[in-house]
C-alpha atoms as a PDB file:
ATOM      1  CA  MET A   1      -4.157 -20.708  -6.096  1.00  0.00           C
ATOM      2  CA  VAL A   2      -0.724 -19.573  -7.484  1.00  0.00           C
ATOM      3  CA  TYR A   3      -2.483 -16.340  -8.774  1.00  0.00           C
ATOM      4  CA  LEU A   4      -4.133 -15.455  -5.698  1.00  0.00           C
ATOM      5  CA  HIS A   5      -1.269 -13.322  -4.320  1.00  0.00           C
ATOM      6  CA  PRO A   6      -0.604 -11.419  -7.643  1.00  0.00           C
ATOM      7  CA  ALA A   7      -4.362 -10.817  -8.087  1.00  0.00           C
ATOM      8  CA  LEU A   8      -4.761  -9.406  -4.571  1.00  0.00           C
ATOM      9  CA  GLY A   9      -1.493  -7.531  -5.035  1.00  0.00           C
ATOM     10  CA  ALA A  10      -2.660  -5.815  -8.056  1.00  0.00           C
ATOM     11  CA  LEU A  11      -5.894  -4.796  -6.398  1.00  0.00           C
ATOM     12  CA  THR A  12      -4.107  -3.490  -3.571  1.00  0.00           C
ATOM     13  CA  VAL A  13      -2.112  -1.300  -5.775  1.00  0.00           C
ATOM     14  CA  VAL A  14      -5.087  -0.110  -7.573  1.00  0.00           C
ATOM     15  CA  LEU A  15      -6.698   0.847  -4.066  1.00  0.00           C
ATOM     16  CA  VAL A  16      -3.420   2.485  -3.075  1.00  0.00           C
ATOM     17  CA  LEU A  17      -3.527   4.607  -6.183  1.00  0.00           C
ATOM     18  CA  LEU A  18      -7.333   5.542  -5.408  1.00  0.00           C
ATOM     19  CA  LEU A  19      -6.471   6.131  -1.868  1.00  0.00           C
ATOM     20  CA  GLY A  20      -3.816   8.599  -3.003  1.00  0.00           C
ATOM     21  CA  MET A  21      -6.082  10.466  -5.319  1.00  0.00           C
ATOM     22  CA  GLN A  22      -8.675  10.699  -2.465  1.00  0.00           C
ATOM     23  CA  GLY A  23      -6.123  12.030  -0.188  1.00  0.00           C
ATOM     24  CA  LEU A  24      -5.056  14.686  -2.799  1.00  0.00           C
ATOM     25  CA  ARG A  25      -8.593  15.601  -3.491  1.00  0.00           C
ATOM     26  CA  SER A  26      -9.157  16.024   0.338  1.00  0.00           C
ATOM     27  CA  THR A  27      -6.616  18.818   0.443  1.00  0.00           C
ATOM     28  CA  HIS A  28      -8.487  21.103  -1.921  1.00  0.00           C
ATOM     29  CA  ARG A  29     -10.902  23.842  -0.475  1.00  0.00           C
ATOM     30  CA  ALA A  30     -13.678  22.739  -2.842  1.00  0.00           C
ATOM     31  CA  ALA A  31     -16.983  21.192  -1.627  1.00  0.00           C
ATOM     32  CA  TYR A  32     -15.940  17.646  -2.775  1.00  0.00           C
ATOM     33  CA  ALA A  33     -12.860  17.823  -0.265  1.00  0.00           C
ATOM     34  CA  VAL A  34     -15.095  16.899   2.590  1.00  0.00           C
ATOM     35  CA  ASP A  35     -16.274  13.776   0.971  1.00  0.00           C
ATOM     36  CA  ALA A  36     -12.972  12.814  -0.320  1.00  0.00           C
ATOM     37  CA  ARG A  37     -11.448  13.227   3.239  1.00  0.00           C
ATOM     38  CA  ARG A  38     -14.265  10.946   4.454  1.00  0.00           C
ATOM     39  CA  ALA A  39     -13.666   8.397   1.751  1.00  0.00           C
ATOM     40  CA  HIS A  40      -9.816   8.365   2.424  1.00  0.00           C
ATOM     41  CA  ARG A  41     -10.261   7.980   5.897  1.00  0.00           C
ATOM     42  CA  ARG A  42     -12.756   4.963   5.575  1.00  0.00           C
ATOM     43  CA  LEU A  43     -10.753   3.257   2.711  1.00  0.00           C
ATOM     44  CA  SER A  44      -7.268   3.565   4.191  1.00  0.00           C
ATOM     45  CA  TRP A  45      -7.590   0.983   6.994  1.00  0.00           C
ATOM     46  CA  TRP A  46      -9.027  -1.433   4.430  1.00  0.00           C
ATOM     47  CA  VAL A  47      -5.983  -0.896   2.077  1.00  0.00           C
ATOM     48  CA  PHE A  48      -3.524  -1.265   5.092  1.00  0.00           C
ATOM     49  CA  GLY A  49      -5.170  -4.315   6.201  1.00  0.00           C
ATOM     50  CA  LEU A  50      -5.105  -5.811   2.595  1.00  0.00           C
ATOM     51  CA  GLY A  51      -1.424  -4.929   2.197  1.00  0.00           C
ATOM     52  CA  VAL A  52      -0.682  -7.001   5.306  1.00  0.00           C
ATOM     53  CA  VAL A  53      -2.778  -9.868   4.005  1.00  0.00           C
ATOM     54  CA  VAL A  54      -1.069  -9.650   0.603  1.00  0.00           C
ATOM     55  CA  LEU A  55       2.379  -9.700   2.124  1.00  0.00           C
ATOM     56  CA  GLY A  56       1.569 -12.778   4.225  1.00  0.00           C
ATOM     57  CA  LEU A  57       0.096 -14.408   1.091  1.00  0.00           C
ATOM     58  CA  GLY A  58       3.326 -13.687  -0.732  1.00  0.00           C
ATOM     59  CA  PHE A  59       5.437 -15.493   1.896  1.00  0.00           C
ATOM     60  CA  GLY A  60       2.981 -18.359   2.192  1.00  0.00           C
ATOM     61  CA  SER A  61       2.636 -18.865  -1.596  1.00  0.00           C
ATOM     62  CA  THR A  62       6.445 -18.790  -2.074  1.00  0.00           C
ATOM     63  CA  ALA A  63       7.159 -21.234   0.710  1.00  0.00           C
ATOM     64  CA  TRP A  64       4.180 -23.822  -0.301  1.00  0.00           C
ATOM     65  CA  LEU A  65       3.726 -23.301  -4.058  1.00  0.00           C
ATOM     66  CA  ARG A  66       7.065 -22.148  -5.608  1.00  0.00           C
ATOM     67  CA  ASP A  67       9.960 -24.513  -5.179  1.00  0.00           C
ATOM     68  CA  ASP A  68      11.933 -22.396  -7.686  1.00  0.00           C
ATOM     69  CA  LEU A  69      11.994 -19.469  -5.258  1.00  0.00           C
ATOM     70  CA  ALA A  70      13.391 -19.058  -2.026  1.00  0.00           C
ATOM     71  CA  VAL A  71      11.329 -17.242   0.612  1.00  0.00           C
ATOM     72  CA  ALA A  72      12.280 -13.508   1.048  1.00  0.00           C
ATOM     73  CA  GLN A  73      15.122 -13.629  -1.300  1.00  0.00           C
ATOM     74  CA  THR A  74      13.821 -11.657  -4.215  1.00  0.00           C
ATOM     75  CA  SER A  75      13.584  -8.073  -4.915  1.00  0.00           C
ATOM     76  CA  HIS A  76       9.916  -7.986  -4.985  1.00  0.00           C
ATOM     77  CA  VAL A  77      10.046  -9.151  -1.359  1.00  0.00           C
ATOM     78  CA  LEU A  78      12.852  -6.815  -0.384  1.00  0.00           C
ATOM     79  CA  ALA A  79      10.638  -3.752  -1.678  1.00  0.00           C
ATOM     80  CA  ALA A  80       7.274  -5.218  -0.541  1.00  0.00           C
ATOM     81  CA  VAL A  81       8.264  -5.516   3.219  1.00  0.00           C
ATOM     82  CA  PRO A  82       9.306  -1.849   3.498  1.00  0.00           C
ATOM     83  CA  LEU A  83       6.109  -0.876   1.561  1.00  0.00           C
ATOM     84  CA  VAL A  84       3.898  -2.206   4.282  1.00  0.00           C
ATOM     85  CA  LEU A  85       6.059  -0.794   6.907  1.00  0.00           C
ATOM     86  CA  LEU A  86       5.696   2.762   5.353  1.00  0.00           C
ATOM     87  CA  MET A  87       1.981   1.914   5.254  1.00  0.00           C
ATOM     88  CA  ALA A  88       2.106   1.429   8.954  1.00  0.00           C
ATOM     89  CA  ILE A  89       4.049   4.693   9.545  1.00  0.00           C
ATOM     90  CA  ASN A  90       1.734   6.638   7.423  1.00  0.00           C
ATOM     91  CA  ALA A  91      -1.261   5.222   9.254  1.00  0.00           C
ATOM     92  CA  ALA A  92       0.323   6.157  12.718  1.00  0.00           C
ATOM     93  CA  LEU A  93       0.989   9.630  11.317  1.00  0.00           C
ATOM     94  CA  SER A  94      -2.579  10.121  10.346  1.00  0.00           C
ATOM     95  CA  ARG A  95      -3.447   9.560  14.153  1.00  0.00           C
ATOM     96  CA  ARG A  96      -1.457  12.648  14.986  1.00  0.00           C
ATOM     97  CA  PHE A  97      -2.998  15.168  12.542  1.00  0.00           C
ATOM     98  CA  ALA A  98      -4.845  17.082  15.363  1.00  0.00           C
ATOM     99  CA  ARG A  99      -1.718  17.646  17.512  1.00  0.00           C
ATOM    100  CA  SER A 100       0.852  18.037  14.685  1.00  0.00           C
ATOM    101  CA  PRO A 101       0.681  19.909  11.588  1.00  0.00           C
ATOM    102  CA  ARG A 102       3.889  18.462  10.535  1.00  0.00           C
ATOM    103  CA  ALA A 103       2.498  15.018  10.684  1.00  0.00           C
ATOM    104  CA  ARG A 104      -0.035  16.116   8.107  1.00  0.00           C
ATOM    105  CA  VAL A 105       2.526  17.395   5.767  1.00  0.00           C
ATOM    106  CA  ALA A 106       4.679  14.118   6.211  1.00  0.00           C
ATOM    107  CA  HIS A 107       1.561  11.953   5.593  1.00  0.00           C
ATOM    108  CA  LYS A 108       1.160  13.514   2.166  1.00  0.00           C
ATOM    109  CA  TRP A 109       4.619  13.174   0.984  1.00  0.00           C
ATOM    110  CA  LEU A 110       4.868   9.543   2.421  1.00  0.00           C
ATOM    111  CA  GLY A 111       1.591   8.799   0.666  1.00  0.00           C
ATOM    112  CA  LEU A 112       3.139   9.924  -2.536  1.00  0.00           C
ATOM    113  CA  VAL A 113       6.210   7.555  -1.910  1.00  0.00           C
ATOM    114  CA  LEU A 114       3.759   4.810  -1.207  1.00  0.00           C
ATOM    115  CA  MET A 115       2.063   5.288  -4.536  1.00  0.00           C
ATOM    116  CA  VAL A 116       5.314   5.079  -6.434  1.00  0.00           C
ATOM    117  CA  ALA A 117       6.734   2.147  -4.391  1.00  0.00           C
ATOM    118  CA  ALA A 118       3.454   0.130  -4.821  1.00  0.00           C
ATOM    119  CA  VAL A 119       3.834   0.309  -8.610  1.00  0.00           C
ATOM    120  CA  ALA A 120       7.621  -0.519  -8.399  1.00  0.00           C
ATOM    121  CA  VAL A 121       6.783  -3.480  -6.302  1.00  0.00           C
ATOM    122  CA  VAL A 122       4.249  -4.815  -8.867  1.00  0.00           C
ATOM    123  CA  ALA A 123       6.843  -4.340 -11.498  1.00  0.00           C
ATOM    124  CA  LEU A 124       9.333  -6.264  -9.564  1.00  0.00           C
ATOM    125  CA  GLY A 125       6.745  -9.087  -8.954  1.00  0.00           C
ATOM    126  CA  MET A 126       5.704  -9.495 -12.624  1.00  0.00           C
ATOM    127  CA  ARG A 127       9.077 -11.028 -13.459  1.00  0.00           C
ATOM    128  CA  LEU A 128       8.312 -13.868 -10.841  1.00  0.00           C
ATOM    129  CA  LEU A 129       4.885 -14.816 -12.371  1.00  0.00           C
ATOM    130  CA  PRO A 130       4.902 -18.744 -13.181  1.00  0.00           C
END
């Protein structure tokens, strides 16, 4: 049970990176861009939901299973909470694509920041493994 949060967290980061690759591929003019855009749109909400679940599991597992750690007092948590908030902002930006070209540009850059931040959160969390 202690390793549920880390395992799902690692899966989430892999999916964030795959999602970013699909997003990047969707910007090309090649024939595969339509499929990449469709895959990106379909996967994005699952990744966002998984991110929220993993964050909740992190709080829960720290409170219930880790007596040696205080809840929300590690650098891992201080990086993970903004990461999930950025995921929510990026999801909201995606809803404005039709009305705002700037939202599309901001979504791309924020997606890149999310990919880097997700890897950083995992690196910070690896120090906390039991």
